[in-house]
């Protein structure tokens, strides 16, 4: 006849901790970015456009209010070739306008995970609002439904990899990638009462300075702030790479999850 035993309190604590650790690990798991998330290459807009307004932005870090200032960049979807792998354009109609916004002090450490591996980044001031936009589309064409983004200054390790980038204008090469911005999806609310929710809260972008090429391309652009407007696009020095976000390991100071884990080692 089997003998039934009662687990000791220590065994129960360890079993309970294992369950909690598994649940915690499941909540923190971060996979590779979706292959359906496009890359983008951003050009400087000439002349810079203005649209004075105020927006409220809610991302995974905070809710904040910003004055919208100047349209400085415009992003095309881009096909990226890297290490023998091609990342195609999935949504050729979706572009992004980059509006400079008022800065707010902020500091956060994150781990950016993308096709270049895991990279520790230190985030800083808020810098840009990205709106879904049309390019060379007739007036009246609906704007693409997609995330809006809030972009923060960031610093991190330089990545040196040979890339070939092809967008709707031309093909260029890039080698040295310097992280300069980290973009989080936001819910955007406008002064006029418009509400634009996140369509995919997982989809982030690490933005790298890849050095400028200087061809000039004429285009017409439009977003929720401006109607169809002719501009010139040049100096395509920013590459937006689809990214998953996680956080550095938890501290082991008292009153943290790290302290709890240490108790049962």
Protein backbone atom coordinates (compact mmCIF):
# COMPACT_ATOMS: atom_id res chain seq x y z
CA UNK A 1 0.00 0.00 0.00
CA UNK A 2 1.48 3.41 -0.92
CA UNK A 3 2.66 5.55 1.95
CA UNK A 4 1.29 9.10 1.86
CA UNK A 5 3.68 11.78 3.08
CA UNK A 6 3.06 15.41 3.91
CA UNK A 7 5.47 17.87 2.26
CA UNK A 8 7.58 19.90 4.63
CA UNK A 9 6.99 23.69 4.85
CA UNK A 10 10.32 24.27 3.06
CA UNK A 11 9.28 21.96 0.19
CA UNK A 12 5.97 23.79 -0.13
CA UNK A 13 7.76 27.16 -0.19
CA UNK A 14 10.11 25.99 -2.93
CA UNK A 15 7.24 24.55 -5.00
CA UNK A 16 5.23 27.75 -4.62
CA UNK A 17 8.24 29.84 -5.56
CA UNK A 18 8.79 27.71 -8.68
CA UNK A 19 5.20 28.32 -9.78
CA UNK A 20 5.55 32.06 -9.21
CA UNK A 21 8.89 32.18 -11.01
CA UNK A 22 7.40 30.40 -14.01
CA UNK A 23 4.47 32.81 -14.10
CA UNK A 24 6.82 35.76 -13.75
CA UNK A 25 9.10 34.46 -16.49
CA UNK A 26 6.10 33.92 -18.74
CA UNK A 27 4.99 37.51 -18.24
CA UNK A 28 8.46 38.80 -19.04
CA UNK A 29 9.17 36.61 -22.05
CA UNK A 30 10.19 38.56 -25.13
CA UNK A 31 10.40 37.00 -28.56
CA UNK A 32 11.93 38.18 -31.80
CA UNK A 33 10.06 41.00 -33.56
CA UNK A 34 7.30 39.98 -35.94
CA UNK A 35 8.43 39.59 -39.58
CA UNK A 36 5.33 41.63 -40.51
CA UNK A 37 6.72 44.76 -38.83
CA UNK A 38 8.31 46.90 -41.53
CA UNK A 39 11.60 48.76 -41.42
CA UNK A 40 11.64 52.49 -42.29
CA UNK A 41 14.20 54.99 -43.55
CA UNK A 42 13.62 58.63 -42.61
CA UNK A 43 14.47 61.68 -44.74
CA UNK A 44 14.71 65.31 -43.70
CA UNK A 45 11.75 67.40 -44.87
CA UNK A 46 12.45 70.59 -46.82
CA UNK A 47 11.07 73.09 -46.03
CA UNK A 48 10.17 72.14 -42.44
CA UNK A 49 6.41 72.40 -41.87
CA UNK A 50 4.60 73.68 -38.78
CA UNK A 51 1.26 72.79 -37.22
CA UNK A 52 0.98 74.33 -33.73
CA UNK A 53 -1.24 72.10 -31.61
CA UNK A 54 -1.24 70.21 -28.32
CA UNK A 55 -1.49 66.43 -27.95
CA UNK A 56 -1.80 64.03 -25.03
CA UNK A 57 0.27 60.87 -25.38
CA UNK A 58 -0.10 57.70 -23.33
CA UNK A 59 2.57 55.01 -23.70
CA UNK A 60 3.82 52.17 -21.50
CA UNK A 61 5.89 54.59 -19.43
CA UNK A 62 3.67 57.62 -18.77
CA UNK A 63 0.93 59.99 -19.86
CA UNK A 64 2.22 63.35 -21.05
CA UNK A 65 1.09 66.50 -22.82
CA UNK A 66 3.19 68.09 -25.56
CA UNK A 67 3.19 71.08 -27.86
CA UNK A 68 3.67 69.93 -31.45
CA UNK A 69 6.28 72.05 -33.19
CA UNK A 70 7.90 71.28 -36.56
CA UNK A 71 7.74 68.41 -39.06
CA UNK A 72 11.41 67.47 -39.52
CA UNK A 73 11.51 63.91 -40.94
CA UNK A 74 9.46 61.67 -43.20
CA UNK A 75 9.86 57.88 -43.17
CA UNK A 76 9.49 55.51 -46.12
CA UNK A 77 9.08 51.75 -45.65
CA UNK A 78 12.33 50.10 -46.69
CA UNK A 79 13.49 46.61 -47.68
CA UNK A 80 16.55 45.60 -45.66
CA UNK A 81 19.13 42.99 -46.70
CA UNK A 82 21.32 41.80 -43.85
CA UNK A 83 23.51 38.68 -43.46
CA UNK A 84 21.91 36.99 -46.44
CA UNK A 85 18.36 37.61 -45.17
CA UNK A 86 15.90 39.96 -46.86
CA UNK A 87 13.26 41.76 -44.81
CA UNK A 88 10.61 42.83 -47.35
CA UNK A 89 8.13 45.71 -47.25
CA UNK A 90 4.74 44.47 -46.05
CA UNK A 91 2.76 47.73 -46.07
CA UNK A 92 4.01 49.97 -48.90
CA UNK A 93 1.20 52.48 -48.25
CA UNK A 94 2.22 53.17 -44.62
CA UNK A 95 4.68 56.04 -44.03
CA UNK A 96 5.43 58.17 -40.97
CA UNK A 97 5.72 61.91 -40.36
CA UNK A 98 8.12 62.89 -37.57
CA UNK A 99 6.90 65.94 -35.60
CA UNK A 100 9.21 67.51 -33.04
CA UNK A 101 7.44 67.90 -29.68
CA UNK A 102 8.30 69.68 -26.45
CA UNK A 103 10.78 67.77 -24.33
CA UNK A 104 10.13 66.29 -20.90
CA UNK A 105 12.81 64.91 -18.54
CA UNK A 106 12.86 61.10 -18.48
CA UNK A 107 15.32 58.28 -17.80
CA UNK A 108 14.74 54.57 -18.34
CA UNK A 109 16.98 51.57 -19.05
CA UNK A 110 15.61 49.00 -21.49
CA UNK A 111 16.85 46.03 -23.48
CA UNK A 112 16.11 46.42 -27.20
CA UNK A 113 15.80 43.06 -28.97
CA UNK A 114 15.85 43.03 -32.76
CA UNK A 115 17.66 41.35 -35.67
CA UNK A 116 20.96 42.75 -34.34
CA UNK A 117 20.61 40.98 -30.97
CA UNK A 118 19.98 42.37 -27.48
CA UNK A 119 21.17 45.93 -26.87
CA UNK A 120 21.08 47.87 -23.57
CA UNK A 121 19.73 51.37 -24.14
CA UNK A 122 19.43 54.37 -21.84
CA UNK A 123 16.37 56.44 -22.75
CA UNK A 124 16.21 60.18 -22.19
CA UNK A 125 14.14 63.19 -23.24
CA UNK A 126 11.00 62.83 -25.34
CA UNK A 127 11.73 64.19 -28.81
CA UNK A 128 9.25 63.24 -31.60
CA UNK A 129 5.66 62.22 -32.32
CA UNK A 130 5.27 59.90 -35.31
CA UNK A 131 1.97 59.96 -37.24
CA UNK A 132 0.88 57.42 -39.88
CA UNK A 133 1.05 59.22 -43.23
CA UNK A 134 0.46 59.01 -46.97
CA UNK A 135 2.98 59.78 -49.68
CA UNK A 136 2.13 60.71 -53.30
CA UNK A 137 -1.52 59.79 -52.69
CA UNK A 138 -4.41 61.90 -54.04
CA UNK A 139 -6.43 64.06 -51.65
CA UNK A 140 -9.17 62.07 -49.98
CA UNK A 141 -7.26 58.78 -49.73
CA UNK A 142 -7.73 57.50 -46.15
CA UNK A 143 -4.67 57.54 -43.92
CA UNK A 144 -3.25 54.14 -42.97
CA UNK A 145 -4.48 52.63 -39.72
CA UNK A 146 -1.40 51.96 -37.60
CA UNK A 147 0.39 52.83 -34.36
CA UNK A 148 1.40 56.35 -33.48
CA UNK A 149 4.78 56.60 -31.73
CA UNK A 150 6.56 58.73 -29.15
CA UNK A 151 10.32 58.75 -29.66
CA UNK A 152 12.83 59.27 -26.85
CA UNK A 153 16.50 60.13 -27.12
CA UNK A 154 18.63 57.06 -26.44
CA UNK A 155 22.24 55.96 -26.15
CA UNK A 156 23.69 52.49 -26.57
CA UNK A 157 26.33 50.41 -28.33
CA UNK A 158 27.22 51.12 -31.96
CA UNK A 159 26.47 48.23 -34.32
CA UNK A 160 28.72 47.60 -37.32
CA UNK A 161 27.02 45.43 -39.95
CA UNK A 162 26.78 45.81 -43.74
CA UNK A 163 23.21 46.56 -44.85
CA UNK A 164 21.55 47.16 -48.21
CA UNK A 165 18.45 49.35 -47.99
CA UNK A 166 15.93 49.75 -50.81
CA UNK A 167 12.90 52.01 -50.51
CA UNK A 168 10.49 53.51 -53.04
CA UNK A 169 13.17 55.98 -54.19
CA UNK A 170 16.50 54.14 -54.45
CA UNK A 171 19.02 51.66 -52.97
CA UNK A 172 21.85 52.57 -50.60
CA UNK A 173 24.32 50.88 -48.25
CA UNK A 174 24.91 51.38 -44.53
CA UNK A 175 27.52 49.94 -42.16
CA UNK A 176 27.73 51.77 -38.82
CA UNK A 177 24.47 52.07 -36.86
CA UNK A 178 24.38 54.49 -33.91
CA UNK A 179 21.26 54.25 -31.70
CA UNK A 180 19.72 57.71 -31.33
CA UNK A 181 15.99 57.23 -30.60
CA UNK A 182 13.70 54.61 -29.10
CA UNK A 183 10.05 54.78 -30.17
CA UNK A 184 7.12 53.42 -28.16
CA UNK A 185 3.53 53.00 -29.39
CA UNK A 186 1.15 55.58 -27.91
CA UNK A 187 -2.50 56.40 -27.60
CA UNK A 188 -2.80 59.92 -29.01
CA UNK A 189 -5.49 62.44 -28.05
CA UNK A 190 -5.83 65.75 -29.87
CA UNK A 191 -7.22 69.16 -28.87
CA UNK A 192 -10.16 68.54 -31.19
CA UNK A 193 -11.21 65.42 -29.28
CA UNK A 194 -9.70 62.83 -31.63
CA UNK A 195 -8.56 59.58 -30.01
CA UNK A 196 -6.10 57.31 -31.81
CA UNK A 197 -5.50 54.06 -29.85
CA UNK A 198 -2.53 51.74 -30.23
CA UNK A 199 -3.06 49.07 -32.87
CA UNK A 200 -0.21 46.88 -31.58
CA UNK A 201 1.29 47.77 -28.17
CA UNK A 202 4.16 45.28 -28.68
CA UNK A 203 5.63 46.99 -31.74
CA UNK A 204 8.54 49.30 -30.89
CA UNK A 205 11.35 50.79 -32.98
CA UNK A 206 15.01 51.40 -32.31
CA UNK A 207 16.19 54.23 -34.55
CA UNK A 208 19.81 54.28 -35.74
CA UNK A 209 21.81 57.05 -37.37
CA UNK A 210 23.28 55.45 -40.50
CA UNK A 211 24.92 58.57 -41.97
CA UNK A 212 23.31 60.65 -44.71
CA UNK A 213 23.10 60.24 -48.43
CA UNK A 214 22.00 63.50 -50.05
CA UNK A 215 19.82 62.93 -53.12
CA UNK A 216 16.72 65.14 -53.25
CA UNK A 217 13.34 63.58 -53.95
CA UNK A 218 10.12 65.54 -54.56
CA UNK A 219 6.98 64.13 -52.97
CA UNK A 220 3.57 65.05 -51.62
CA UNK A 221 2.78 64.02 -48.05
CA UNK A 222 -0.25 64.09 -45.74
CA UNK A 223 -1.13 63.04 -42.20
CA UNK A 224 -3.71 63.97 -39.53
CA UNK A 225 -2.14 67.41 -39.11
CA UNK A 226 -1.52 68.48 -42.71
CA UNK A 227 -3.38 68.01 -46.02
CA UNK A 228 -1.59 66.90 -49.17
CA UNK A 229 1.53 69.10 -49.25
CA UNK A 230 4.47 69.18 -51.70
CA UNK A 231 7.92 68.83 -50.09
CA UNK A 232 11.45 67.77 -50.89
CA UNK A 233 13.04 64.86 -49.03
CA UNK A 234 16.80 64.58 -48.51
CA UNK A 235 19.52 63.35 -46.11
CA UNK A 236 18.10 59.90 -45.34
CA UNK A 237 20.11 59.21 -42.21
CA UNK A 238 17.66 57.46 -39.86
CA UNK A 239 16.82 53.74 -39.97
CA UNK A 240 13.86 52.46 -37.93
CA UNK A 241 14.32 48.79 -36.96
CA UNK A 242 11.39 46.75 -35.51
CA UNK A 243 12.14 45.96 -31.89
CA UNK A 244 10.80 44.10 -28.87
CA UNK A 245 11.41 45.69 -25.48
CA UNK A 246 12.34 44.16 -22.14
CA UNK A 247 13.99 45.47 -18.99
CA UNK A 248 17.36 44.79 -17.34
CA UNK A 249 17.48 42.10 -14.61
CA UNK A 250 15.65 43.04 -11.42
CA UNK A 251 17.73 44.52 -8.64
CA UNK A 252 18.34 42.42 -5.50
CA UNK A 253 17.76 45.39 -3.15
CA UNK A 254 15.14 44.93 -0.37
CA UNK A 255 11.46 45.10 -1.37
CA UNK A 256 12.14 43.94 -4.92
CA UNK A 257 11.43 40.72 -6.77
CA UNK A 258 15.18 40.12 -6.89
CA UNK A 259 15.29 40.11 -3.06
CA UNK A 260 12.52 37.50 -2.95
CA UNK A 261 14.42 35.25 -5.36
CA UNK A 262 17.57 35.51 -3.22
CA UNK A 263 15.72 34.29 -0.13
CA UNK A 264 15.16 30.84 -1.68
CA UNK A 265 18.51 30.20 -3.35
